[in-house]
Amino acid sequence: MLTWISHALPRADPQNYIAIMMREKLATNMTMEVNAAMSRMISVICALLTRYVSFLFYFCSRVNGSFDEFVAISFKVFDYG
């Protein structure tokens, strides 16, 4: 029963074994490189978004603060009382 299976499989000589192992190692390395590249891209995107949002919070708080100061100064200048 197992004789027909052994004919379908490639020969187990050392050259075939080395070629198969090299192909598997190459595929593993490629997969690891793709995963590392994706991880780096996600890290860069997250870092940029964090800096952008932090800058917006800082900028908006400065604008709101200076706007409040502007309103207070303008009421003092135009105080007719």
Protein backbone atom coordinates (compact mmCIF):
# COMPACT_ATOMS: atom_id res chain seq x y z
CA MET A 1 0.00 0.00 0.00
CA LEU A 2 2.80 2.46 0.79
CA THR A 3 4.82 1.60 -2.30
CA TRP A 4 2.92 3.94 -4.60
CA ILE A 5 3.42 6.85 -2.14
CA SER A 6 7.19 6.37 -2.11
CA HIS A 7 7.25 6.69 -5.91
CA ALA A 8 5.34 10.00 -5.77
CA LEU A 9 7.74 11.60 -3.29
CA PRO A 10 11.04 13.10 -4.48
CA ARG A 11 14.12 11.04 -3.93
CA ALA A 12 15.71 11.52 -0.54
CA ASP A 13 19.24 12.02 -1.80
CA PRO A 14 21.36 14.71 -0.11
CA GLN A 15 21.13 17.20 -3.00
CA ASN A 16 17.34 17.25 -2.94
CA TYR A 17 17.34 17.49 0.83
CA ILE A 18 19.78 20.43 0.80
CA ALA A 19 17.78 22.21 -1.90
CA ILE A 20 14.53 21.75 0.01
CA MET A 21 16.10 22.97 3.26
CA MET A 22 17.61 26.02 1.52
CA ARG A 23 14.25 26.86 -0.05
CA GLU A 24 12.51 26.59 3.32
CA LYS A 25 15.18 28.74 4.99
CA LEU A 26 14.84 31.37 2.26
CA ALA A 27 11.06 31.40 2.61
CA THR A 28 11.39 31.76 6.38
CA ASN A 29 13.85 34.64 6.01
CA MET A 30 11.60 36.40 3.51
CA THR A 31 8.62 36.06 5.84
CA MET A 32 10.62 37.45 8.75
CA GLU A 33 11.80 40.41 6.65
CA VAL A 34 8.25 41.20 5.53
CA ASN A 35 7.01 41.07 9.12
CA ALA A 36 9.87 43.32 10.26
CA ALA A 37 9.16 45.82 7.47
CA MET A 38 5.47 45.94 8.36
CA SER A 39 6.34 46.44 12.02
CA ARG A 40 8.67 49.33 11.15
CA MET A 41 6.02 50.96 8.97
CA ILE A 42 3.41 50.71 11.72
CA SER A 43 5.88 52.13 14.26
CA VAL A 44 6.71 55.10 12.04
CA ILE A 45 3.05 55.83 11.31
CA CYS A 46 2.14 55.65 15.01
CA ALA A 47 5.06 57.91 15.96
CA LEU A 48 4.12 60.48 13.33
CA LEU A 49 0.47 60.46 14.37
CA THR A 50 1.44 60.85 18.03
CA ARG A 51 3.66 63.83 17.24
CA TYR A 52 1.02 65.38 14.98
CA VAL A 53 -1.73 65.05 17.57
CA SER A 54 0.58 66.35 20.31
CA PHE A 55 1.45 69.35 18.16
CA LEU A 56 -2.22 70.02 17.47
CA PHE A 57 -3.05 69.92 21.18
CA TYR A 58 -0.17 72.28 21.92
CA PHE A 59 -1.04 74.62 19.04
CA CYS A 60 -4.75 74.70 19.86
CA SER A 61 -4.08 75.40 23.54
CA ARG A 62 -1.72 78.24 22.58
CA VAL A 63 -4.25 79.68 20.12
CA ASN A 64 -7.06 79.45 22.66
CA GLY A 65 -4.88 81.02 25.34
CA SER A 66 -3.76 83.88 23.11
CA PHE A 67 -7.33 84.40 21.92
CA ASP A 68 -8.49 84.74 25.51
CA GLU A 69 -5.69 87.24 26.19
CA PHE A 70 -6.65 89.17 23.03
CA VAL A 71 -10.28 89.39 24.12
CA ALA A 72 -9.28 90.57 27.61
CA ILE A 73 -6.94 93.24 26.19
CA SER A 74 -9.50 94.47 23.67
CA PHE A 75 -12.12 94.88 26.39
CA LYS A 76 -9.63 96.92 28.44
CA VAL A 77 -8.78 99.14 25.45
CA PHE A 78 -12.40 99.77 24.53
CA ASP A 79 -13.61 100.20 28.09
CA TYR A 80 -15.51 103.44 28.13
CA GLY A 81 -16.56 103.14 31.69
